[in-house]
Amino acid sequence: MGHHGGRRHAGQGIKNGRLKPRVSRVLPLAAAAEAHRLPGDRQTIGKVLLSTAG
């Protein structure tokens, strides 16, 4: 399968709902420094996303 095959498999799992990424926080782009700090400080369980919306 190799490296790229694993990504393809994960993408299919997300599309069909079998894999659900855990999102801990969504922060505005202006809070990028905080978003970078949170995982290092072990303040999250899951991904920290930056939003460019509103």
PDB file of N, CA and C in Angstrom:
ATOM      1  N   MET A   1       0.830  -1.184   0.000  1.00  0.00           N
ATOM      2  CA  MET A   1       0.000   0.000   0.000  1.00  0.00           C
ATOM      3  C   MET A   1       0.870   1.241   0.000  1.00  0.00           C
ATOM      4  N   GLY A   2       1.870   1.329   0.823  1.00  0.00           N
ATOM      5  CA  GLY A   2       2.789   2.464   0.844  1.00  0.00           C
ATOM      6  C   GLY A   2       2.206   3.690   1.504  1.00  0.00           C
ATOM      7  N   HIS A   3       3.019   4.721   1.524  1.00  0.00           N
ATOM      8  CA  HIS A   3       2.660   5.972   2.200  1.00  0.00           C
ATOM      9  C   HIS A   3       1.430   6.638   1.597  1.00  0.00           C
ATOM     10  N   HIS A   4       1.383   6.763   0.290  1.00  0.00           N
ATOM     11  CA  HIS A   4       0.271   7.446  -0.368  1.00  0.00           C
ATOM     12  C   HIS A   4      -1.017   6.634  -0.272  1.00  0.00           C
ATOM     13  N   GLY A   5      -0.927   5.331  -0.266  1.00  0.00           N
ATOM     14  CA  GLY A   5      -2.109   4.493  -0.130  1.00  0.00           C
ATOM     15  C   GLY A   5      -2.796   4.687   1.209  1.00  0.00           C
ATOM     16  N   GLY A   6      -2.011   4.917   2.245  1.00  0.00           N
ATOM     17  CA  GLY A   6      -2.585   5.168   3.571  1.00  0.00           C
ATOM     18  C   GLY A   6      -3.381   6.459   3.605  1.00  0.00           C
ATOM     19  N   ARG A   7      -2.875   7.488   2.935  1.00  0.00           N
ATOM     20  CA  ARG A   7      -3.604   8.760   2.855  1.00  0.00           C
ATOM     21  C   ARG A   7      -4.910   8.581   2.100  1.00  0.00           C
ATOM     22  N   ARG A   8      -4.849   7.839   1.028  1.00  0.00           N
ATOM     23  CA  ARG A   8      -6.049   7.596   0.228  1.00  0.00           C
ATOM     24  C   ARG A   8      -7.083   6.871   1.085  1.00  0.00           C
ATOM     25  N   HIS A   9      -6.640   5.866   1.828  1.00  0.00           N
ATOM     26  CA  HIS A   9      -7.535   5.097   2.690  1.00  0.00           C
ATOM     27  C   HIS A   9      -8.145   5.998   3.772  1.00  0.00           C
ATOM     28  N   ALA A  10      -7.339   6.868   4.370  1.00  0.00           N
ATOM     29  CA  ALA A  10      -7.843   7.783   5.399  1.00  0.00           C
ATOM     30  C   ALA A  10      -8.853   8.751   4.796  1.00  0.00           C
ATOM     31  N   GLY A  11      -8.574   9.254   3.611  1.00  0.00           N
ATOM     32  CA  GLY A  11      -9.502  10.170   2.946  1.00  0.00           C
ATOM     33  C   GLY A  11     -10.849   9.511   2.688  1.00  0.00           C
ATOM     34  N   GLN A  12     -10.824   8.254   2.291  1.00  0.00           N
ATOM     35  CA  GLN A  12     -12.071   7.520   2.069  1.00  0.00           C
ATOM     36  C   GLN A  12     -12.826   7.336   3.383  1.00  0.00           C
ATOM     37  N   GLY A  13     -12.103   7.085   4.460  1.00  0.00           N
ATOM     38  CA  GLY A  13     -12.733   6.917   5.766  1.00  0.00           C
ATOM     39  C   GLY A  13     -13.410   8.187   6.243  1.00  0.00           C
ATOM     40  N   ILE A  14     -12.803   9.330   5.955  1.00  0.00           N
ATOM     41  CA  ILE A  14     -13.412  10.606   6.333  1.00  0.00           C
ATOM     42  C   ILE A  14     -14.649  10.854   5.486  1.00  0.00           C
ATOM     43  N   LYS A  15     -14.548  10.594   4.182  1.00  0.00           N
ATOM     44  CA  LYS A  15     -15.684  10.816   3.287  1.00  0.00           C
ATOM     45  C   LYS A  15     -16.889   9.964   3.660  1.00  0.00           C
ATOM     46  N   ASN A  16     -16.653   8.711   4.012  1.00  0.00           N
ATOM     47  CA  ASN A  16     -17.784   7.838   4.304  1.00  0.00           C
ATOM     48  C   ASN A  16     -18.201   7.868   5.781  1.00  0.00           C
ATOM     49  N   GLY A  17     -17.565   8.731   6.575  1.00  0.00           N
ATOM     50  CA  GLY A  17     -17.982   8.922   7.960  1.00  0.00           C
ATOM     51  C   GLY A  17     -17.409   7.941   8.963  1.00  0.00           C
ATOM     52  N   ARG A  18     -16.517   7.052   8.526  1.00  0.00           N
ATOM     53  CA  ARG A  18     -15.939   6.078   9.462  1.00  0.00           C
ATOM     54  C   ARG A  18     -14.837   6.688  10.312  1.00  0.00           C
ATOM     55  N   LEU A  19     -14.147   7.689   9.768  1.00  0.00           N
ATOM     56  CA  LEU A  19     -13.120   8.410  10.522  1.00  0.00           C
ATOM     57  C   LEU A  19     -13.603   9.833  10.740  1.00  0.00           C
ATOM     58  N   LYS A  20     -13.525  10.284  11.967  1.00  0.00           N
ATOM     59  CA  LYS A  20     -13.951  11.646  12.281  1.00  0.00           C
ATOM     60  C   LYS A  20     -12.811  12.352  13.006  1.00  0.00           C
ATOM     61  N   PRO A  21     -12.189  13.320  12.336  1.00  0.00           N
ATOM     62  CA  PRO A  21     -11.098  14.038  12.989  1.00  0.00           C
ATOM     63  C   PRO A  21     -11.618  14.764  14.230  1.00  0.00           C
ATOM     64  N   ARG A  22     -10.852  14.734  15.284  1.00  0.00           N
ATOM     65  CA  ARG A  22     -11.228  15.420  16.516  1.00  0.00           C
ATOM     66  C   ARG A  22     -10.693  16.843  16.448  1.00  0.00           C
ATOM     67  N   VAL A  23     -11.598  17.804  16.503  1.00  0.00           N
ATOM     68  CA  VAL A  23     -11.232  19.214  16.479  1.00  0.00           C
ATOM     69  C   VAL A  23     -11.409  19.768  17.877  1.00  0.00           C
ATOM     70  N   SER A  24     -10.322  20.238  18.449  1.00  0.00           N
ATOM     71  CA  SER A  24     -10.348  20.770  19.799  1.00  0.00           C
ATOM     72  C   SER A  24     -10.814  22.218  19.821  1.00  0.00           C
ATOM     73  N   ARG A  25     -10.257  23.020  18.910  1.00  0.00           N
ATOM     74  CA  ARG A  25     -10.591  24.449  18.877  1.00  0.00           C
ATOM     75  C   ARG A  25     -10.484  24.986  17.467  1.00  0.00           C
ATOM     76  N   VAL A  26     -11.304  26.003  17.203  1.00  0.00           N
ATOM     77  CA  VAL A  26     -11.204  26.771  15.968  1.00  0.00           C
ATOM     78  C   VAL A  26     -10.970  28.211  16.388  1.00  0.00           C
ATOM     79  N   LEU A  27      -9.848  28.750  15.961  1.00  0.00           N
ATOM     80  CA  LEU A  27      -9.466  30.105  16.342  1.00  0.00           C
ATOM     81  C   LEU A  27      -9.343  30.982  15.102  1.00  0.00           C
ATOM     82  N   PRO A  28      -9.553  32.300  15.267  1.00  0.00           N
ATOM     83  CA  PRO A  28      -9.347  33.199  14.125  1.00  0.00           C
ATOM     84  C   PRO A  28      -7.869  33.253  13.754  1.00  0.00           C
ATOM     85  N   LEU A  29      -7.609  33.572  12.503  1.00  0.00           N
ATOM     86  CA  LEU A  29      -6.235  33.638  12.015  1.00  0.00           C
ATOM     87  C   LEU A  29      -5.378  34.579  12.862  1.00  0.00           C
ATOM     88  N   ALA A  30      -5.989  35.622  13.403  1.00  0.00           N
ATOM     89  CA  ALA A  30      -5.255  36.580  14.241  1.00  0.00           C
ATOM     90  C   ALA A  30      -4.712  35.927  15.514  1.00  0.00           C
ATOM     91  N   ALA A  31      -5.239  34.772  15.889  1.00  0.00           N
ATOM     92  CA  ALA A  31      -4.797  34.063  17.093  1.00  0.00           C
ATOM     93  C   ALA A  31      -3.831  32.928  16.748  1.00  0.00           C
ATOM     94  N   ALA A  32      -3.108  33.054  15.636  1.00  0.00           N
ATOM     95  CA  ALA A  32      -2.204  31.989  15.192  1.00  0.00           C
ATOM     96  C   ALA A  32      -1.148  31.656  16.242  1.00  0.00           C
ATOM     97  N   ALA A  33      -0.646  32.650  16.942  1.00  0.00           N
ATOM     98  CA  ALA A  33       0.373  32.387  17.966  1.00  0.00           C
ATOM     99  C   ALA A  33      -0.206  31.512  19.077  1.00  0.00           C
ATOM    100  N   GLU A  34      -1.416  31.792  19.490  1.00  0.00           N
ATOM    101  CA  GLU A  34      -2.065  30.969  20.530  1.00  0.00           C
ATOM    102  C   GLU A  34      -2.318  29.561  20.002  1.00  0.00           C
ATOM    103  N   ALA A  35      -2.763  29.463  18.751  1.00  0.00           N
ATOM    104  CA  ALA A  35      -3.025  28.152  18.146  1.00  0.00           C
ATOM    105  C   ALA A  35      -1.751  27.313  18.096  1.00  0.00           C
ATOM    106  N   HIS A  36      -0.633  27.943  17.892  1.00  0.00           N
ATOM    107  CA  HIS A  36       0.651  27.244  17.848  1.00  0.00           C
ATOM    108  C   HIS A  36       1.089  26.811  19.248  1.00  0.00           C
ATOM    109  N   ARG A  37       0.775  27.600  20.242  1.00  0.00           N
ATOM    110  CA  ARG A  37       1.184  27.338  21.620  1.00  0.00           C
ATOM    111  C   ARG A  37       0.355  26.228  22.288  1.00  0.00           C
ATOM    112  N   LEU A  38      -0.931  26.162  22.009  1.00  0.00           N
ATOM    113  CA  LEU A  38      -1.833  25.254  22.723  1.00  0.00           C
ATOM    114  C   LEU A  38      -1.398  23.786  22.727  1.00  0.00           C
ATOM    115  N   PRO A  39      -1.080  23.192  21.585  1.00  0.00           N
ATOM    116  CA  PRO A  39      -0.661  21.783  21.628  1.00  0.00           C
ATOM    117  C   PRO A  39       0.625  21.570  22.438  1.00  0.00           C
ATOM    118  N   GLY A  40       1.546  22.496  22.348  1.00  0.00           N
ATOM    119  CA  GLY A  40       2.796  22.385  23.101  1.00  0.00           C
ATOM    120  C   GLY A  40       2.581  22.457  24.599  1.00  0.00           C
ATOM    121  N   ASP A  41       1.563  23.208  24.998  1.00  0.00           N
ATOM    122  CA  ASP A  41       1.221  23.323  26.421  1.00  0.00           C
ATOM    123  C   ASP A  41       0.257  22.227  26.865  1.00  0.00           C
ATOM    124  N   ARG A  42      -0.031  21.311  25.962  1.00  0.00           N
ATOM    125  CA  ARG A  42      -0.955  20.196  26.226  1.00  0.00           C
ATOM    126  C   ARG A  42      -2.329  20.697  26.673  1.00  0.00           C
ATOM    127  N   GLN A  43      -2.804  21.726  25.983  1.00  0.00           N
ATOM    128  CA  GLN A  43      -4.102  22.318  26.288  1.00  0.00           C
ATOM    129  C   GLN A  43      -5.196  21.818  25.347  1.00  0.00           C
ATOM    130  N   THR A  44      -4.889  20.851  24.497  1.00  0.00           N
ATOM    131  CA  THR A  44      -5.861  20.384  23.525  1.00  0.00           C
ATOM    132  C   THR A  44      -5.897  18.868  23.459  1.00  0.00           C
ATOM    133  N   ILE A  45      -7.013  18.372  23.030  1.00  0.00           N
ATOM    134  CA  ILE A  45      -7.155  16.974  22.629  1.00  0.00           C
ATOM    135  C   ILE A  45      -7.780  17.060  21.241  1.00  0.00           C
ATOM    136  N   GLY A  46      -6.985  16.857  20.224  1.00  0.00           N
ATOM    137  CA  GLY A  46      -7.471  17.003  18.855  1.00  0.00           C
ATOM    138  C   GLY A  46      -6.734  18.129  18.153  1.00  0.00           C
ATOM    139  N   LYS A  47      -7.261  18.492  17.017  1.00  0.00           N
ATOM    140  CA  LYS A  47      -6.629  19.486  16.160  1.00  0.00           C
ATOM    141  C   LYS A  47      -7.034  20.896  16.549  1.00  0.00           C
ATOM    142  N   VAL A  48      -6.143  21.828  16.309  1.00  0.00           N
ATOM    143  CA  VAL A  48      -6.434  23.245  16.459  1.00  0.00           C
ATOM    144  C   VAL A  48      -6.465  23.819  15.045  1.00  0.00           C
ATOM    145  N   LEU A  49      -7.592  24.399  14.672  1.00  0.00           N
ATOM    146  CA  LEU A  49      -7.764  24.938  13.329  1.00  0.00           C
ATOM    147  C   LEU A  49      -7.773  26.452  13.358  1.00  0.00           C
ATOM    148  N   LEU A  50      -7.262  27.044  12.289  1.00  0.00           N
ATOM    149  CA  LEU A  50      -7.320  28.489  12.115  1.00  0.00           C
ATOM    150  C   LEU A  50      -8.381  28.799  11.070  1.00  0.00           C
ATOM    151  N   SER A  51      -9.212  29.780  11.350  1.00  0.00           N
ATOM    152  CA  SER A  51     -10.290  30.157  10.445  1.00  0.00           C
ATOM    153  C   SER A  51     -10.021  31.528   9.841  1.00  0.00           C
ATOM    154  N   THR A  52     -10.293  31.642   8.550  1.00  0.00           N
ATOM    155  CA  THR A  52     -10.183  32.934   7.886  1.00  0.00           C
ATOM    156  C   THR A  52     -11.550  33.595   7.730  1.00  0.00           C
ATOM    157  N   ALA A  53     -12.600  32.919   8.181  1.00  0.00           N
ATOM    158  CA  ALA A  53     -13.961  33.451   8.069  1.00  0.00           C
ATOM    159  C   ALA A  53     -14.212  34.510   9.129  1.00  0.00           C
ATOM    160  N   GLY A  54     -14.926  35.538   8.720  1.00  0.00           N
ATOM    161  CA  GLY A  54     -15.414  36.593   9.563  1.00  0.00           C
ATOM    162  C   GLY A  54     -14.579  36.970  10.686  1.00  0.00           C
TER     163      GLY A  54
END
